[in-house]
Amino acid sequence: MDLLDKSPVVDKDVFIAPGASVIGDVQVGQGSSIWYGSVLRGDVNSIHVGSGTNIQDNSLVHVAKSNLGGKELPTIIGNNVTIGHSAVIHGCTIEDEAFVGMELPFLMVWAGNPAKFLRKLTDEEIAFISQSATNYINLAKVHAAENAKSFEEIEFEKMLRKKFARRDEEYDSMIGVVRETPPELVLPDNILPDKSQKAVQ
């Protein structure tokens, strides 16, 4: 959404979930995803989100015009960052491949209320942080495809599921039944794969 003279600049490969808001001076890099209920509000300063970053459900990313010393406080989020559900990110910089729930020292796990230091991250957990960003890139593609379907496509798929709810190819083959899909139920390749072609391969 535009705000005054500021417009978001969002890469074409970004997934923005229905119900998420990207407002004002915001840049979002390739392959990033903004999930349901999240708000990125770049009103009094700018927000920059790198590539491959996911901002999970109900998170808030905001900015501050400046601190008491007059230093500007945009929000900068690096590449392949995971911002956990319902996190609040305000006027700060988050480096590449971080996994954020709240502000913590580097490579440590804190938990509780109030938070207490538990331990250092293991090598496996450090590797998972990077993998988490990749997982969300792939998940965003699935959600984007589902959200892009027209009403007619959704209704057609519902009708197909209902019609074939009691038909299973594996079960049919075990009892020797061969069914052909009626021509009126064959969808284009980009909507639903044709199971009969898969069986031939």
N, C-alpha and C. Protein backbone atom coordinates (compact mmCIF):
# COMPACT_ATOMS: atom_id res chain seq x y z
N MET A 1 0.84 -1.18 0.00
CA MET A 1 0.00 0.00 0.00
C MET A 1 0.89 1.24 0.00
N ASP A 2 0.54 2.20 -0.84
CA ASP A 2 1.27 3.46 -0.87
C ASP A 2 0.95 4.27 0.39
N LEU A 3 1.92 5.07 0.80
CA LEU A 3 1.70 5.99 1.92
C LEU A 3 2.36 7.30 1.54
N LEU A 4 1.54 8.34 1.37
CA LEU A 4 2.01 9.63 0.86
C LEU A 4 2.75 9.40 -0.46
N ASP A 5 4.04 9.75 -0.53
CA ASP A 5 4.77 9.57 -1.79
C ASP A 5 5.61 8.29 -1.79
N LYS A 6 5.43 7.41 -0.81
CA LYS A 6 6.23 6.19 -0.70
C LYS A 6 5.42 4.97 -1.13
N SER A 7 6.07 4.14 -1.95
CA SER A 7 5.43 2.90 -2.42
C SER A 7 6.35 1.72 -2.13
N PRO A 8 5.78 0.59 -1.70
CA PRO A 8 6.61 -0.60 -1.51
C PRO A 8 7.24 -1.04 -2.84
N VAL A 9 8.46 -1.56 -2.77
CA VAL A 9 9.14 -2.14 -3.92
C VAL A 9 9.33 -3.62 -3.58
N VAL A 10 8.57 -4.47 -4.26
CA VAL A 10 8.52 -5.89 -3.91
C VAL A 10 8.90 -6.71 -5.13
N ASP A 11 9.89 -7.59 -4.98
CA ASP A 11 10.31 -8.46 -6.08
C ASP A 11 9.14 -9.33 -6.53
N LYS A 12 9.12 -9.67 -7.82
CA LYS A 12 8.00 -10.45 -8.38
C LYS A 12 7.90 -11.84 -7.78
N ASP A 13 8.98 -12.38 -7.20
CA ASP A 13 8.97 -13.72 -6.62
C ASP A 13 8.57 -13.73 -5.15
N VAL A 14 8.20 -12.61 -4.59
CA VAL A 14 7.83 -12.53 -3.18
C VAL A 14 6.40 -13.02 -3.00
N PHE A 15 6.17 -13.80 -1.93
CA PHE A 15 4.81 -14.20 -1.56
C PHE A 15 4.35 -13.31 -0.41
N ILE A 16 3.25 -12.58 -0.64
CA ILE A 16 2.60 -11.81 0.42
C ILE A 16 1.25 -12.45 0.65
N ALA A 17 1.05 -13.02 1.83
CA ALA A 17 -0.18 -13.74 2.13
C ALA A 17 -1.36 -12.78 2.21
N PRO A 18 -2.56 -13.28 1.88
CA PRO A 18 -3.76 -12.47 2.10
C PRO A 18 -3.83 -12.07 3.58
N GLY A 19 -4.16 -10.82 3.83
CA GLY A 19 -4.25 -10.34 5.20
C GLY A 19 -2.96 -9.74 5.73
N ALA A 20 -1.86 -9.90 5.00
CA ALA A 20 -0.61 -9.23 5.39
C ALA A 20 -0.60 -7.83 4.77
N SER A 21 0.09 -6.90 5.42
CA SER A 21 0.14 -5.52 4.94
C SER A 21 1.58 -5.06 4.78
N VAL A 22 1.89 -4.52 3.60
CA VAL A 22 3.20 -3.94 3.32
C VAL A 22 2.94 -2.49 2.94
N ILE A 23 3.39 -1.57 3.79
CA ILE A 23 2.95 -0.18 3.70
C ILE A 23 4.14 0.77 3.61
N GLY A 24 4.10 1.67 2.61
CA GLY A 24 5.05 2.76 2.55
C GLY A 24 6.42 2.39 2.01
N ASP A 25 7.46 2.91 2.64
CA ASP A 25 8.84 2.81 2.16
C ASP A 25 9.43 1.45 2.56
N VAL A 26 9.04 0.42 1.82
CA VAL A 26 9.45 -0.96 2.13
C VAL A 26 10.01 -1.60 0.87
N GLN A 27 11.16 -2.25 0.99
CA GLN A 27 11.73 -3.05 -0.10
C GLN A 27 11.80 -4.49 0.37
N VAL A 28 11.35 -5.42 -0.49
CA VAL A 28 11.38 -6.85 -0.15
C VAL A 28 12.07 -7.58 -1.29
N GLY A 29 13.13 -8.34 -0.96
CA GLY A 29 13.97 -9.00 -1.95
C GLY A 29 13.43 -10.33 -2.45
N GLN A 30 14.07 -10.84 -3.47
CA GLN A 30 13.66 -12.05 -4.19
C GLN A 30 13.49 -13.25 -3.27
N GLY A 31 12.38 -13.97 -3.48
CA GLY A 31 12.14 -15.22 -2.77
C GLY A 31 11.74 -15.07 -1.31
N SER A 32 11.52 -13.85 -0.86
CA SER A 32 11.09 -13.65 0.53
C SER A 32 9.59 -13.88 0.64
N SER A 33 9.10 -14.01 1.88
CA SER A 33 7.67 -14.24 2.08
C SER A 33 7.20 -13.49 3.33
N ILE A 34 6.01 -12.90 3.21
CA ILE A 34 5.38 -12.17 4.29
C ILE A 34 4.08 -12.91 4.59
N TRP A 35 3.97 -13.48 5.79
CA TRP A 35 2.90 -14.43 6.08
C TRP A 35 1.68 -13.76 6.70
N TYR A 36 0.63 -14.55 6.84
CA TYR A 36 -0.71 -14.10 7.23
C TYR A 36 -0.69 -13.22 8.49
N GLY A 37 -1.33 -12.06 8.36
CA GLY A 37 -1.48 -11.17 9.51
C GLY A 37 -0.28 -10.30 9.83
N SER A 38 0.81 -10.43 9.08
CA SER A 38 2.00 -9.62 9.36
C SER A 38 1.84 -8.21 8.81
N VAL A 39 2.52 -7.27 9.44
CA VAL A 39 2.49 -5.87 9.01
C VAL A 39 3.92 -5.36 8.90
N LEU A 40 4.27 -4.81 7.73
CA LEU A 40 5.53 -4.10 7.53
C LEU A 40 5.16 -2.65 7.28
N ARG A 41 5.44 -1.77 8.25
CA ARG A 41 4.97 -0.40 8.17
C ARG A 41 6.15 0.55 8.08
N GLY A 42 6.44 0.97 6.84
CA GLY A 42 7.53 1.91 6.58
C GLY A 42 6.99 3.31 6.42
N ASP A 43 6.61 3.94 7.51
CA ASP A 43 6.00 5.26 7.42
C ASP A 43 6.99 6.39 7.72
N VAL A 44 7.61 6.39 8.89
CA VAL A 44 8.53 7.48 9.22
C VAL A 44 9.98 7.17 8.89
N ASN A 45 10.24 5.97 8.36
CA ASN A 45 11.56 5.57 7.93
C ASN A 45 11.39 4.37 7.00
N SER A 46 12.50 3.77 6.57
CA SER A 46 12.42 2.71 5.57
C SER A 46 12.63 1.32 6.19
N ILE A 47 12.10 0.32 5.49
CA ILE A 47 12.30 -1.08 5.84
C ILE A 47 12.92 -1.75 4.63
N HIS A 48 14.00 -2.49 4.85
CA HIS A 48 14.62 -3.27 3.78
C HIS A 48 14.69 -4.72 4.22
N VAL A 49 14.06 -5.60 3.43
CA VAL A 49 14.08 -7.04 3.69
C VAL A 49 14.86 -7.69 2.56
N GLY A 50 15.87 -8.48 2.90
CA GLY A 50 16.72 -9.11 1.89
C GLY A 50 16.04 -10.25 1.15
N SER A 51 16.82 -11.07 0.49
CA SER A 51 16.30 -12.19 -0.31
C SER A 51 16.18 -13.43 0.56
N GLY A 52 15.17 -14.25 0.26
CA GLY A 52 15.00 -15.53 0.92
C GLY A 52 14.60 -15.45 2.38
N THR A 53 14.11 -14.31 2.80
CA THR A 53 13.73 -14.10 4.21
C THR A 53 12.24 -14.36 4.39
N ASN A 54 11.87 -14.94 5.53
CA ASN A 54 10.44 -15.14 5.82
C ASN A 54 10.07 -14.42 7.10
N ILE A 55 8.98 -13.67 7.02
CA ILE A 55 8.43 -12.96 8.17
C ILE A 55 7.12 -13.66 8.48
N GLN A 56 7.12 -14.42 9.57
CA GLN A 56 6.03 -15.35 9.83
C GLN A 56 4.80 -14.66 10.42
N ASP A 57 3.73 -15.44 10.51
CA ASP A 57 2.40 -14.96 10.85
C ASP A 57 2.36 -14.00 12.04
N ASN A 58 1.59 -12.92 11.86
CA ASN A 58 1.28 -11.94 12.91
C ASN A 58 2.50 -11.18 13.44
N SER A 59 3.54 -11.09 12.65
CA SER A 59 4.71 -10.31 13.06
C SER A 59 4.53 -8.84 12.68
N LEU A 60 5.22 -7.98 13.40
CA LEU A 60 5.20 -6.54 13.11
C LEU A 60 6.62 -6.07 12.86
N VAL A 61 6.82 -5.43 11.72
CA VAL A 61 8.11 -4.80 11.41
C VAL A 61 7.84 -3.31 11.26
N HIS A 62 8.49 -2.51 12.10
CA HIS A 62 8.24 -1.07 12.10
C HIS A 62 9.57 -0.35 12.16
N VAL A 63 9.52 0.96 12.15
CA VAL A 63 10.72 1.79 12.11
C VAL A 63 10.58 2.91 13.14
N ALA A 64 11.68 3.61 13.38
CA ALA A 64 11.64 4.83 14.18
C ALA A 64 12.32 5.93 13.37
N LYS A 65 11.82 7.14 13.49
CA LYS A 65 12.42 8.24 12.74
C LYS A 65 13.86 8.43 13.18
N SER A 66 14.08 8.50 14.50
CA SER A 66 15.44 8.63 15.04
C SER A 66 15.41 8.32 16.53
N ASN A 67 16.60 8.08 17.07
CA ASN A 67 16.68 7.91 18.53
C ASN A 67 16.94 9.26 19.18
N LEU A 68 17.16 9.26 20.50
CA LEU A 68 17.35 10.54 21.20
C LEU A 68 18.58 11.29 20.73
N GLY A 69 19.57 10.56 20.23
CA GLY A 69 20.78 11.21 19.73
C GLY A 69 20.65 11.70 18.30
N GLY A 70 19.49 11.49 17.68
CA GLY A 70 19.27 11.95 16.31
C GLY A 70 19.63 10.94 15.24
N LYS A 71 20.09 9.74 15.65
CA LYS A 71 20.46 8.72 14.67
C LYS A 71 19.19 8.11 14.06
N GLU A 72 19.16 8.06 12.72
CA GLU A 72 18.00 7.46 12.05
C GLU A 72 17.92 5.97 12.35
N LEU A 73 16.69 5.46 12.44
CA LEU A 73 16.49 4.05 12.79
C LEU A 73 15.57 3.34 11.80
N PRO A 74 16.09 3.09 10.58
CA PRO A 74 15.33 2.24 9.67
C PRO A 74 15.41 0.80 10.19
N THR A 75 14.66 -0.08 9.59
CA THR A 75 14.77 -1.51 9.91
C THR A 75 15.37 -2.21 8.71
N ILE A 76 16.45 -2.94 8.95
CA ILE A 76 17.14 -3.67 7.89
C ILE A 76 17.19 -5.14 8.30
N ILE A 77 16.61 -5.99 7.47
CA ILE A 77 16.60 -7.44 7.71
C ILE A 77 17.37 -8.09 6.57
N GLY A 78 18.36 -8.90 6.91
CA GLY A 78 19.26 -9.47 5.91
C GLY A 78 18.65 -10.58 5.07
N ASN A 79 19.52 -11.34 4.43
CA ASN A 79 19.11 -12.45 3.56
C ASN A 79 18.92 -13.73 4.37
N ASN A 80 17.96 -14.55 3.95
CA ASN A 80 17.72 -15.87 4.55
C ASN A 80 17.51 -15.80 6.06
N VAL A 81 16.74 -14.82 6.47
CA VAL A 81 16.41 -14.63 7.88
C VAL A 81 15.03 -15.23 8.13
N THR A 82 14.85 -15.84 9.30
CA THR A 82 13.53 -16.29 9.74
C THR A 82 13.11 -15.41 10.91
N ILE A 83 11.99 -14.69 10.72
CA ILE A 83 11.40 -13.90 11.80
C ILE A 83 10.23 -14.73 12.32
N GLY A 84 10.34 -15.22 13.56
CA GLY A 84 9.34 -16.13 14.12
C GLY A 84 7.98 -15.48 14.31
N HIS A 85 6.98 -16.33 14.52
CA HIS A 85 5.59 -15.90 14.66
C HIS A 85 5.44 -14.84 15.75
N SER A 86 4.67 -13.81 15.42
CA SER A 86 4.30 -12.74 16.36
C SER A 86 5.48 -11.94 16.91
N ALA A 87 6.59 -11.94 16.19
CA ALA A 87 7.75 -11.14 16.63
C ALA A 87 7.50 -9.67 16.33
N VAL A 88 8.11 -8.81 17.12
CA VAL A 88 8.08 -7.37 16.88
C VAL A 88 9.51 -6.92 16.59
N ILE A 89 9.72 -6.38 15.39
CA ILE A 89 11.03 -5.92 14.95
C ILE A 89 10.90 -4.41 14.76
N HIS A 90 11.69 -3.63 15.52
CA HIS A 90 11.47 -2.18 15.52
C HIS A 90 12.80 -1.43 15.46
N GLY A 91 13.01 -0.73 14.35
CA GLY A 91 14.17 0.16 14.22
C GLY A 91 15.49 -0.52 14.51
N CYS A 92 15.75 -1.66 13.87
CA CYS A 92 16.98 -2.39 14.16
C CYS A 92 17.54 -3.02 12.88
N THR A 93 18.73 -3.61 13.00
CA THR A 93 19.35 -4.33 11.89
C THR A 93 19.52 -5.78 12.29
N ILE A 94 19.08 -6.69 11.42
CA ILE A 94 19.21 -8.13 11.65
C ILE A 94 20.09 -8.67 10.54
N GLU A 95 21.16 -9.33 10.92
CA GLU A 95 22.14 -9.82 9.95
C GLU A 95 21.62 -11.05 9.20
N ASP A 96 22.33 -11.43 8.13
CA ASP A 96 21.97 -12.59 7.31
C ASP A 96 21.88 -13.87 8.15
N GLU A 97 20.94 -14.73 7.75
CA GLU A 97 20.78 -16.08 8.30
C GLU A 97 20.54 -16.10 9.80
N ALA A 98 19.84 -15.09 10.30
CA ALA A 98 19.45 -15.07 11.71
C ALA A 98 18.08 -15.73 11.86
N PHE A 99 17.81 -16.23 13.04
CA PHE A 99 16.50 -16.81 13.39
C PHE A 99 16.03 -16.03 14.61
N VAL A 100 14.95 -15.25 14.44
CA VAL A 100 14.59 -14.27 15.46
C VAL A 100 13.29 -14.63 16.15
N GLY A 101 13.35 -14.64 17.48
CA GLY A 101 12.16 -14.65 18.31
C GLY A 101 12.19 -13.39 19.17
N MET A 102 13.38 -13.07 19.67
CA MET A 102 13.61 -11.82 20.38
C MET A 102 15.11 -11.55 20.36
N GLU A 103 15.53 -10.40 20.84
CA GLU A 103 16.95 -10.02 20.77
C GLU A 103 17.78 -10.90 21.71
N LEU A 104 18.82 -11.53 21.17
CA LEU A 104 19.68 -12.42 21.93
C LEU A 104 21.14 -12.23 21.52
N PRO A 105 22.07 -12.60 22.39
CA PRO A 105 23.47 -12.63 21.95
C PRO A 105 23.66 -13.66 20.85
N PHE A 106 24.71 -13.52 20.09
CA PHE A 106 24.99 -14.36 18.93
C PHE A 106 25.16 -15.83 19.32
N LEU A 107 24.50 -16.74 18.59
CA LEU A 107 24.64 -18.19 18.70
C LEU A 107 24.30 -18.74 20.09
N MET A 108 23.30 -18.15 20.73
CA MET A 108 22.87 -18.63 22.05
C MET A 108 21.37 -18.89 22.05
N VAL A 109 20.94 -19.76 22.97
CA VAL A 109 19.51 -20.04 23.17
C VAL A 109 19.10 -19.50 24.53
N TRP A 110 18.08 -18.65 24.51
CA TRP A 110 17.49 -18.13 25.74
C TRP A 110 16.02 -18.50 25.73
N ALA A 111 15.43 -18.70 26.91
CA ALA A 111 14.00 -19.02 26.98
C ALA A 111 13.47 -18.61 28.34
N GLY A 112 12.14 -18.57 28.43
CA GLY A 112 11.48 -18.26 29.69
C GLY A 112 11.00 -16.83 29.75
N ASN A 113 10.32 -16.52 30.85
CA ASN A 113 9.79 -15.18 31.06
C ASN A 113 9.98 -14.82 32.53
N PRO A 114 10.99 -14.05 32.89
CA PRO A 114 11.94 -13.39 31.98
C PRO A 114 12.91 -14.39 31.37
N ALA A 115 13.46 -14.04 30.21
CA ALA A 115 14.35 -14.94 29.48
C ALA A 115 15.65 -15.16 30.25
N LYS A 116 16.13 -16.42 30.20
CA LYS A 116 17.41 -16.79 30.82
C LYS A 116 18.24 -17.57 29.82
N PHE A 117 19.54 -17.43 29.92
CA PHE A 117 20.45 -18.16 29.04
C PHE A 117 20.34 -19.66 29.34
N LEU A 118 20.16 -20.46 28.28
CA LEU A 118 20.11 -21.92 28.43
C LEU A 118 21.41 -22.57 27.99
N ARG A 119 21.84 -22.25 26.76
CA ARG A 119 23.02 -22.91 26.22
C ARG A 119 23.40 -22.25 24.91
N LYS A 120 24.53 -22.66 24.36
CA LYS A 120 24.93 -22.21 23.02
C LYS A 120 24.25 -23.09 21.98
N LEU A 121 24.07 -22.55 20.78
CA LEU A 121 23.51 -23.33 19.69
C LEU A 121 24.47 -24.44 19.27
N THR A 122 23.90 -25.59 18.90
CA THR A 122 24.72 -26.68 18.35
C THR A 122 24.98 -26.42 16.87
N ASP A 123 25.93 -27.14 16.30
CA ASP A 123 26.20 -27.01 14.86
C ASP A 123 24.97 -27.36 14.04
N GLU A 124 24.22 -28.38 14.50
CA GLU A 124 23.00 -28.79 13.77
C GLU A 124 21.96 -27.67 13.79
N GLU A 125 21.82 -26.99 14.91
CA GLU A 125 20.85 -25.89 15.01
C GLU A 125 21.27 -24.71 14.14
N ILE A 126 22.56 -24.45 14.08
CA ILE A 126 23.05 -23.37 13.22
C ILE A 126 22.74 -23.69 11.76
N ALA A 127 22.95 -24.95 11.36
CA ALA A 127 22.62 -25.36 9.99
C ALA A 127 21.13 -25.26 9.73
N PHE A 128 20.31 -25.58 10.75
CA PHE A 128 18.86 -25.52 10.60
C PHE A 128 18.36 -24.11 10.32
N ILE A 129 19.01 -23.11 10.91
CA ILE A 129 18.58 -21.73 10.69
C ILE A 129 18.60 -21.40 9.21
N SER A 130 19.67 -21.78 8.53
CA SER A 130 19.76 -21.56 7.09
C SER A 130 18.72 -22.39 6.35
N GLN A 131 18.55 -23.65 6.77
CA GLN A 131 17.58 -24.54 6.12
C GLN A 131 16.15 -24.04 6.31
N SER A 132 15.87 -23.44 7.47
CA SER A 132 14.54 -22.92 7.74
C SER A 132 14.14 -21.87 6.71
N ALA A 133 15.06 -21.00 6.35
CA ALA A 133 14.77 -19.99 5.34
C ALA A 133 14.46 -20.65 4.00
N THR A 134 15.22 -21.68 3.63
CA THR A 134 14.97 -22.40 2.38
C THR A 134 13.61 -23.09 2.41
N ASN A 135 13.27 -23.70 3.55
CA ASN A 135 11.97 -24.36 3.68
C ASN A 135 10.83 -23.38 3.46
N TYR A 136 10.97 -22.17 3.99
CA TYR A 136 9.90 -21.18 3.84
C TYR A 136 9.83 -20.63 2.41
N ILE A 137 10.95 -20.58 1.71
CA ILE A 137 10.90 -20.19 0.29
C ILE A 137 10.03 -21.18 -0.47
N ASN A 138 10.24 -22.48 -0.23
CA ASN A 138 9.47 -23.51 -0.93
C ASN A 138 8.01 -23.50 -0.50
N LEU A 139 7.75 -23.34 0.80
CA LEU A 139 6.38 -23.31 1.29
C LEU A 139 5.61 -22.11 0.73
N ALA A 140 6.29 -20.99 0.58
CA ALA A 140 5.64 -19.80 0.02
C ALA A 140 5.16 -20.04 -1.40
N LYS A 141 5.91 -20.83 -2.18
CA LYS A 141 5.49 -21.14 -3.56
C LYS A 141 4.19 -21.93 -3.56
N VAL A 142 4.05 -22.86 -2.63
CA VAL A 142 2.82 -23.65 -2.53
C VAL A 142 1.64 -22.75 -2.17
N HIS A 143 1.83 -21.89 -1.17
CA HIS A 143 0.76 -20.98 -0.76
C HIS A 143 0.41 -19.99 -1.87
N ALA A 144 1.41 -19.49 -2.57
CA ALA A 144 1.16 -18.55 -3.66
C ALA A 144 0.34 -19.21 -4.76
N ALA A 145 0.65 -20.46 -5.09
CA ALA A 145 -0.10 -21.18 -6.13
C ALA A 145 -1.55 -21.38 -5.70
N GLU A 146 -1.76 -21.75 -4.44
CA GLU A 146 -3.13 -21.95 -3.96
C GLU A 146 -3.91 -20.64 -3.94
N ASN A 147 -3.26 -19.55 -3.51
CA ASN A 147 -3.95 -18.26 -3.44
C ASN A 147 -4.22 -17.66 -4.81
N ALA A 148 -3.51 -18.13 -5.84
CA ALA A 148 -3.69 -17.60 -7.19
C ALA A 148 -4.84 -18.27 -7.94
N LYS A 149 -5.39 -19.35 -7.40
CA LYS A 149 -6.46 -20.08 -8.10
C LYS A 149 -7.73 -19.24 -8.17
N SER A 150 -8.40 -19.34 -9.30
CA SER A 150 -9.67 -18.65 -9.47
C SER A 150 -10.77 -19.41 -8.72
N PHE A 151 -11.89 -18.75 -8.54
CA PHE A 151 -13.04 -19.39 -7.90
C PHE A 151 -13.45 -20.64 -8.66
N GLU A 152 -13.44 -20.55 -10.00
CA GLU A 152 -13.84 -21.70 -10.82
C GLU A 152 -12.90 -22.89 -10.62
N GLU A 153 -11.59 -22.62 -10.55
CA GLU A 153 -10.63 -23.71 -10.34
C GLU A 153 -10.84 -24.38 -8.98
N ILE A 154 -11.09 -23.57 -7.96
CA ILE A 154 -11.32 -24.13 -6.62
C ILE A 154 -12.57 -25.00 -6.61
N GLU A 155 -13.65 -24.51 -7.21
CA GLU A 155 -14.89 -25.28 -7.24
C GLU A 155 -14.72 -26.56 -8.06
N PHE A 156 -13.98 -26.49 -9.15
CA PHE A 156 -13.75 -27.67 -9.99
C PHE A 156 -12.97 -28.73 -9.22
N GLU A 157 -11.94 -28.30 -8.49
CA GLU A 157 -11.16 -29.25 -7.70
C GLU A 157 -11.99 -29.86 -6.59
N LYS A 158 -12.88 -29.06 -5.97
CA LYS A 158 -13.78 -29.62 -4.95
C LYS A 158 -14.68 -30.69 -5.55
N MET A 159 -15.19 -30.43 -6.77
CA MET A 159 -16.05 -31.39 -7.43
C MET A 159 -15.28 -32.67 -7.76
N LEU A 160 -14.03 -32.52 -8.20
CA LEU A 160 -13.21 -33.70 -8.49
C LEU A 160 -12.96 -34.53 -7.25
N ARG A 161 -12.63 -33.86 -6.15
CA ARG A 161 -12.37 -34.60 -4.92
C ARG A 161 -13.61 -35.37 -4.47
N LYS A 162 -14.76 -34.73 -4.59
CA LYS A 162 -16.01 -35.38 -4.20
C LYS A 162 -16.30 -36.57 -5.11
N LYS A 163 -16.11 -36.37 -6.41
CA LYS A 163 -16.44 -37.43 -7.38
C LYS A 163 -15.54 -38.65 -7.20
N PHE A 164 -14.26 -38.40 -6.90
CA PHE A 164 -13.31 -39.51 -6.80
C PHE A 164 -12.99 -39.89 -5.35
N ALA A 165 -13.79 -39.40 -4.41
CA ALA A 165 -13.51 -39.69 -2.99
C ALA A 165 -13.51 -41.18 -2.71
N ARG A 166 -14.33 -41.94 -3.40
CA ARG A 166 -14.41 -43.38 -3.15
C ARG A 166 -13.63 -44.18 -4.18
N ARG A 167 -12.86 -43.49 -5.01
CA ARG A 167 -12.07 -44.19 -6.03
C ARG A 167 -10.60 -43.99 -5.75
N ASP A 168 -9.88 -45.05 -5.66
CA ASP A 168 -8.45 -44.99 -5.40
C ASP A 168 -7.75 -45.88 -6.41
N GLU A 169 -6.78 -45.33 -7.14
CA GLU A 169 -6.13 -46.10 -8.20
C GLU A 169 -5.47 -47.36 -7.68
N GLU A 170 -4.81 -47.28 -6.54
CA GLU A 170 -4.13 -48.46 -6.01
C GLU A 170 -5.13 -49.55 -5.64
N TYR A 171 -6.22 -49.15 -4.99
CA TYR A 171 -7.24 -50.13 -4.62
C TYR A 171 -7.86 -50.74 -5.87
N ASP A 172 -8.21 -49.89 -6.83
CA ASP A 172 -8.81 -50.39 -8.08
C ASP A 172 -7.89 -51.39 -8.77
N SER A 173 -6.59 -51.09 -8.83
CA SER A 173 -5.67 -51.98 -9.52
C SER A 173 -5.55 -53.33 -8.81
N MET A 174 -5.68 -53.32 -7.49
CA MET A 174 -5.59 -54.58 -6.73
C MET A 174 -6.79 -55.48 -7.01
N ILE A 175 -7.95 -54.88 -7.29
CA ILE A 175 -9.14 -55.71 -7.56
C ILE A 175 -9.41 -55.83 -9.06
N GLY A 176 -8.49 -55.30 -9.87
CA GLY A 176 -8.61 -55.48 -11.32
C GLY A 176 -9.56 -54.53 -12.02
N VAL A 177 -9.86 -53.40 -11.41
CA VAL A 177 -10.77 -52.43 -12.03
C VAL A 177 -9.94 -51.33 -12.68
N VAL A 178 -10.27 -51.00 -13.93
CA VAL A 178 -9.60 -49.91 -14.64
C VAL A 178 -10.65 -48.85 -14.92
N ARG A 179 -10.39 -47.65 -14.47
CA ARG A 179 -11.34 -46.55 -14.70
C ARG A 179 -10.66 -45.50 -15.57
N GLU A 180 -11.39 -44.97 -16.51
CA GLU A 180 -10.88 -43.87 -17.31
C GLU A 180 -11.52 -42.59 -16.81
N THR A 181 -10.72 -41.55 -16.77
CA THR A 181 -11.25 -40.25 -16.35
C THR A 181 -12.11 -39.69 -17.47
N PRO A 182 -13.37 -39.35 -17.17
CA PRO A 182 -14.23 -38.75 -18.20
C PRO A 182 -13.60 -37.47 -18.74
N PRO A 183 -13.72 -37.23 -20.06
CA PRO A 183 -13.08 -36.05 -20.66
C PRO A 183 -13.45 -34.74 -19.98
N GLU A 184 -14.68 -34.64 -19.50
CA GLU A 184 -15.10 -33.37 -18.89
C GLU A 184 -14.41 -33.11 -17.55
N LEU A 185 -13.74 -34.15 -17.00
CA LEU A 185 -13.06 -33.98 -15.73
C LEU A 185 -11.55 -33.80 -15.87
N VAL A 186 -11.04 -33.81 -17.09
CA VAL A 186 -9.60 -33.65 -17.30
C VAL A 186 -9.26 -32.17 -17.27
N LEU A 187 -8.39 -31.79 -16.35
CA LEU A 187 -7.97 -30.40 -16.22
C LEU A 187 -6.70 -30.14 -17.01
N PRO A 188 -6.44 -28.89 -17.35
CA PRO A 188 -5.14 -28.57 -17.96
C PRO A 188 -4.01 -28.94 -17.01
N ASP A 189 -2.82 -29.19 -17.58
CA ASP A 189 -1.67 -29.66 -16.79
C ASP A 189 -1.31 -28.73 -15.64
N ASN A 190 -1.52 -27.43 -15.82
CA ASN A 190 -1.08 -26.49 -14.78
C ASN A 190 -2.04 -26.43 -13.59
N ILE A 191 -3.18 -27.11 -13.69
CA ILE A 191 -4.14 -27.07 -12.58
C ILE A 191 -4.05 -28.33 -11.72
N LEU A 192 -4.05 -29.48 -12.36
CA LEU A 192 -4.01 -30.73 -11.62
C LEU A 192 -3.34 -31.78 -12.47
N PRO A 193 -2.34 -32.49 -11.97
CA PRO A 193 -1.68 -33.51 -12.79
C PRO A 193 -2.62 -34.64 -13.15
N ASP A 194 -2.46 -35.16 -14.37
CA ASP A 194 -3.29 -36.26 -14.84
C ASP A 194 -2.70 -37.56 -14.31
N LYS A 195 -3.41 -38.23 -13.39
CA LYS A 195 -2.89 -39.44 -12.76
C LYS A 195 -2.70 -40.57 -13.76
N SER A 196 -3.50 -40.59 -14.81
CA SER A 196 -3.38 -41.68 -15.78
C SER A 196 -2.04 -41.64 -16.49
N GLN A 197 -1.51 -40.43 -16.73
CA GLN A 197 -0.19 -40.31 -17.37
C GLN A 197 0.90 -40.81 -16.44
N LYS A 198 0.74 -40.55 -15.13
CA LYS A 198 1.73 -40.99 -14.16
C LYS A 198 1.80 -42.52 -14.13
N ALA A 199 0.65 -43.18 -14.28
CA ALA A 199 0.61 -44.64 -14.23
C ALA A 199 1.32 -45.25 -15.43
N VAL A 200 1.26 -44.57 -16.60
CA VAL A 200 1.90 -45.10 -17.81
C VAL A 200 3.41 -45.07 -17.67
N GLN A 201 3.95 -44.04 -17.01
CA GLN A 201 5.39 -43.92 -16.83
C GLN A 201 5.84 -44.98 -15.88
